[in-house]
Amino acid sequence: MVKLERLQELFWVTLVGVNGVLFLLLAHAYWREGIFFRHALVSPDKDPPIGSSIPVSLRPLLDGRKPLLVLAFGQCSEGSLENLAGWVVMLERWGEEVTGVVVAKERQETLGEIWRKRSWKVPFIADEEGQLLRELNAYFLPRAYGFDLDGKLVFKQDDPSLTALDAIRSLVAAVRGEEYAKQVFDRKPAWAEAREGEKAGSKTLSSYQGGER
């Protein structure tokens, strides 16, 4: 009987110990992700105001010819990558109007591998500790920020459902004016015109071959 009670006592002590270790591991993981203090660090009322200067680490990306769109992104998972891909595609398509950069909460090696596999040309910044994301006050992700040629904040995404194209257009309108934005975005982009030209050429060739028969 004494032996049975001893075994039961040992079992409960072991169970409590295992649970304690699991709790500490979970708490550490949450701490690394900023779960406990995220709301204290980033929130709507801590947003950088329009007209504020670009973060120092992003200033080298200004080229003096095009505004800069910064996409604040979180960690890259299978699901989130498709969302990121949509932004990258639009930034590459409208590369004549804006310079784009992705700031992701990932390791340099992880992002480098993703970019190589997908042949993306848009530059990225590995913000593994989330310092730059906190400086931008990215309280939802992904979130876009736009800076003019001098590095002043002229656009920030307030609606999480805003599309990549709408964000790019808003930045261009803020820097170049609404009339310029209408001329650029209300017409078909060069890549679409080229695609239509290819289709038209294929149809002409098919018609010609059909006539030969």
Protein backbone atom coordinates (compact mmCIF):
# COMPACT_ATOMS: atom_id res chain seq x y z
CA MET A 1 0.00 0.00 0.00
CA VAL A 2 2.81 2.35 0.89
CA LYS A 3 4.54 1.50 -2.36
CA LEU A 4 1.37 2.30 -4.36
CA GLU A 5 0.98 5.65 -2.63
CA ARG A 6 4.63 6.40 -3.36
CA LEU A 7 4.15 5.63 -7.04
CA GLN A 8 1.06 7.85 -7.19
CA GLU A 9 2.95 10.68 -5.52
CA LEU A 10 5.84 10.28 -7.94
CA PHE A 11 3.42 10.29 -10.88
CA TRP A 12 1.79 13.57 -9.85
CA VAL A 13 5.13 15.23 -9.13
CA THR A 14 6.35 14.19 -12.58
CA LEU A 15 3.15 15.42 -14.24
CA VAL A 16 3.40 18.81 -12.52
CA GLY A 17 7.04 19.08 -13.53
CA VAL A 18 6.31 18.28 -17.19
CA ASN A 19 3.45 20.78 -17.30
CA GLY A 20 5.67 23.40 -15.71
CA VAL A 21 8.35 22.91 -18.36
CA LEU A 22 5.77 23.07 -21.17
CA PHE A 23 4.33 26.27 -19.71
CA LEU A 24 7.78 27.88 -19.57
CA LEU A 25 8.53 26.87 -23.16
CA LEU A 26 5.19 28.27 -24.35
CA ALA A 27 5.70 31.49 -22.40
CA HIS A 28 9.16 31.88 -23.91
CA ALA A 29 7.78 31.38 -27.42
CA TYR A 30 5.06 33.98 -26.81
CA TRP A 31 7.65 36.36 -25.40
CA ARG A 32 9.83 36.02 -28.52
CA GLU A 33 6.83 36.74 -30.74
CA GLY A 34 5.88 39.75 -28.64
CA ILE A 35 2.46 38.37 -27.72
CA PHE A 36 2.59 39.76 -24.18
CA PHE A 37 3.65 43.27 -25.09
CA ARG A 38 2.65 43.70 -28.75
CA HIS A 39 -0.29 46.00 -28.00
CA ALA A 40 1.92 48.15 -25.79
CA LEU A 41 4.47 48.57 -28.59
CA VAL A 42 2.22 48.99 -31.65
CA SER A 43 -1.29 50.41 -31.77
CA PRO A 44 -3.21 52.87 -33.97
CA ASP A 45 -2.60 55.77 -31.60
CA LYS A 46 1.18 55.30 -31.97
CA ASP A 47 1.20 55.66 -35.76
CA PRO A 48 3.92 57.88 -37.27
CA PRO A 49 2.22 61.06 -38.55
CA ILE A 50 2.06 61.99 -42.20
CA GLY A 51 5.14 64.07 -42.96
CA SER A 52 7.43 62.20 -40.57
CA SER A 53 10.86 61.08 -41.78
CA ILE A 54 11.63 57.63 -43.12
CA PRO A 55 13.43 55.25 -40.71
CA VAL A 56 17.18 55.63 -41.02
CA SER A 57 17.67 52.01 -42.08
CA LEU A 58 15.34 52.55 -45.08
CA ARG A 59 16.86 55.81 -46.29
CA PRO A 60 19.44 54.13 -48.60
CA LEU A 61 16.52 52.75 -50.64
CA LEU A 62 15.46 56.24 -51.77
CA ASP A 63 16.64 56.85 -55.33
CA GLY A 64 15.40 60.41 -55.87
CA ARG A 65 13.34 59.43 -58.92
CA LYS A 66 10.42 57.36 -57.62
CA PRO A 67 8.50 57.21 -54.35
CA LEU A 68 9.21 54.27 -52.06
CA LEU A 69 6.54 51.79 -50.99
CA VAL A 70 7.50 49.76 -47.91
CA LEU A 71 5.49 46.61 -47.27
CA ALA A 72 5.62 45.54 -43.63
CA PHE A 73 5.16 41.78 -43.51
CA GLY A 74 5.20 39.16 -40.76
CA GLN A 75 6.61 35.66 -40.86
CA CYS A 76 6.47 33.64 -44.06
CA SER A 77 4.28 30.54 -43.95
CA GLU A 78 2.74 28.51 -46.76
CA GLY A 79 -0.50 30.49 -46.45
CA SER A 80 0.99 33.96 -46.07
CA LEU A 81 3.38 33.52 -49.00
CA GLU A 82 0.54 33.67 -51.50
CA ASN A 83 -0.57 36.99 -50.05
CA LEU A 84 3.00 38.25 -50.21
CA ALA A 85 3.32 37.04 -53.80
CA GLY A 86 0.36 39.20 -54.82
CA TRP A 87 2.07 42.30 -53.43
CA VAL A 88 5.42 41.46 -55.02
CA VAL A 89 3.84 40.89 -58.42
CA MET A 90 2.16 44.30 -58.33
CA LEU A 91 5.31 46.05 -57.12
CA GLU A 92 7.25 44.52 -60.00
CA ARG A 93 4.56 45.38 -62.55
CA TRP A 94 4.46 49.01 -61.44
CA GLY A 95 8.20 49.31 -60.94
CA GLU A 96 8.34 52.31 -63.27
CA GLU A 97 6.21 54.31 -60.84
CA VAL A 98 7.37 53.15 -57.40
CA THR A 99 10.31 51.47 -55.75
CA GLY A 100 9.19 48.60 -53.55
CA VAL A 101 10.76 46.84 -50.59
CA VAL A 102 9.46 44.08 -48.31
CA VAL A 103 10.28 44.18 -44.59
CA ALA A 104 9.61 40.72 -43.15
CA LYS A 105 10.00 39.29 -39.67
CA GLU A 106 12.22 36.47 -40.88
CA ARG A 107 15.85 35.40 -41.05
CA GLN A 108 18.02 36.58 -43.95
CA GLU A 109 18.62 33.00 -45.09
CA THR A 110 14.91 32.15 -45.12
CA LEU A 111 13.98 35.18 -47.19
CA GLY A 112 16.90 34.66 -49.55
CA GLU A 113 15.77 31.12 -50.28
CA ILE A 114 12.16 32.21 -50.88
CA TRP A 115 13.26 35.01 -53.22
CA ARG A 116 15.56 32.70 -55.19
CA LYS A 117 12.91 30.01 -55.63
CA ARG A 118 10.34 32.53 -56.87
CA SER A 119 12.78 34.70 -58.84
CA TRP A 120 11.52 37.87 -57.16
CA LYS A 121 13.37 41.09 -57.95
CA VAL A 122 11.83 43.36 -55.30
CA PRO A 123 14.40 43.85 -52.51
CA PHE A 124 13.75 42.62 -48.99
CA ILE A 125 14.92 43.42 -45.48
CA ALA A 126 15.16 40.65 -42.87
CA ASP A 127 13.77 42.17 -39.67
CA GLU A 128 14.02 39.02 -37.56
CA GLU A 129 13.58 40.77 -34.21
CA GLY A 130 10.78 43.02 -35.50
CA GLN A 131 12.58 46.25 -34.59
CA LEU A 132 11.78 48.00 -37.88
CA LEU A 133 8.19 46.75 -37.83
CA ARG A 134 7.77 48.33 -34.40
CA GLU A 135 9.35 51.56 -35.63
CA LEU A 136 6.83 51.63 -38.47
CA ASN A 137 4.06 50.74 -35.97
CA ALA A 138 2.83 47.84 -38.10
CA TYR A 139 -0.12 46.98 -35.87
CA PHE A 140 -1.60 44.81 -38.63
CA LEU A 141 0.21 42.84 -41.32
CA PRO A 142 0.79 43.18 -44.15
CA ARG A 143 0.74 46.97 -44.06
CA ALA A 144 2.00 49.43 -46.69
CA TYR A 145 3.76 52.75 -46.14
CA GLY A 146 4.66 55.30 -48.80
CA PHE A 147 7.50 57.83 -48.75
CA ASP A 148 8.15 60.64 -51.21
CA LEU A 149 11.44 61.40 -52.94
CA ASP A 150 12.74 63.21 -49.86
CA GLY A 151 11.84 60.40 -47.49
CA LYS A 152 8.72 61.97 -45.98
CA LEU A 153 5.78 59.73 -45.10
CA VAL A 154 2.92 60.60 -47.46
CA PHE A 155 0.81 57.44 -47.31
CA LYS A 156 0.07 54.72 -44.77
CA GLN A 157 -2.41 51.89 -45.10
CA ASP A 158 -5.30 52.17 -42.65
CA ASP A 159 -7.59 49.50 -44.11
CA PRO A 160 -6.27 45.92 -43.92
CA SER A 161 -8.38 44.97 -46.95
CA LEU A 162 -6.71 47.55 -49.22
CA THR A 163 -5.27 45.89 -52.33
CA ALA A 164 -1.69 46.21 -53.47
CA LEU A 165 -2.76 48.12 -56.57
CA ASP A 166 -4.81 50.60 -54.53
CA ALA A 167 -1.86 51.15 -52.19
CA ILE A 168 0.49 51.82 -55.11
CA ARG A 169 -2.00 54.18 -56.72
CA SER A 170 -2.54 56.05 -53.44
CA LEU A 171 1.20 56.59 -53.07
CA VAL A 172 1.63 57.80 -56.65
CA ALA A 173 -1.34 60.18 -56.25
CA ALA A 174 0.11 61.55 -53.01
CA VAL A 175 3.44 62.31 -54.70
CA ARG A 176 2.55 63.09 -58.33
CA GLY A 177 -1.04 64.28 -57.95
CA GLU A 178 -4.41 62.70 -58.66
CA GLU A 179 -4.47 63.72 -62.35
CA TYR A 180 -1.16 61.97 -62.98
CA ALA A 181 -2.41 58.89 -61.14
CA LYS A 182 -5.53 58.79 -63.33
CA GLN A 183 -3.45 58.98 -66.51
CA VAL A 184 -1.21 56.15 -65.35
CA PHE A 185 -3.62 53.77 -63.66
CA ASP A 186 -6.73 54.29 -65.78
CA ARG A 187 -4.88 53.13 -68.88
CA LYS A 188 -3.60 49.65 -69.50
CA PRO A 189 -0.07 49.10 -68.19
CA ALA A 190 2.72 48.26 -70.61
CA TRP A 191 2.78 44.59 -69.59
CA ALA A 192 -0.96 44.25 -70.41
CA GLU A 193 -0.58 45.96 -73.76
CA ALA A 194 2.36 43.70 -74.59
CA ARG A 195 0.30 40.64 -73.69
CA GLU A 196 -2.58 41.80 -75.91
CA GLY A 197 -0.09 42.41 -78.70
CA GLU A 198 1.17 38.85 -78.36
CA LYS A 199 -2.39 37.50 -78.49
CA ALA A 200 -3.20 39.63 -81.54
CA GLY A 201 -0.05 38.38 -83.26
CA SER A 202 -1.01 34.78 -82.55
CA LYS A 203 -4.50 35.31 -83.98
CA THR A 204 -3.06 36.90 -87.13
CA LEU A 205 -0.66 34.00 -87.60
CA SER A 206 -3.50 31.51 -87.11
CA SER A 207 -5.67 33.32 -89.66
CA TYR A 208 -2.80 33.38 -92.14
CA GLN A 209 -2.15 29.66 -91.72
CA GLY A 210 -5.86 28.97 -92.02
CA GLY A 211 -5.99 30.92 -95.30
CA GLU A 212 -3.18 28.87 -96.74
CA ARG A 213 -5.21 25.72 -96.35
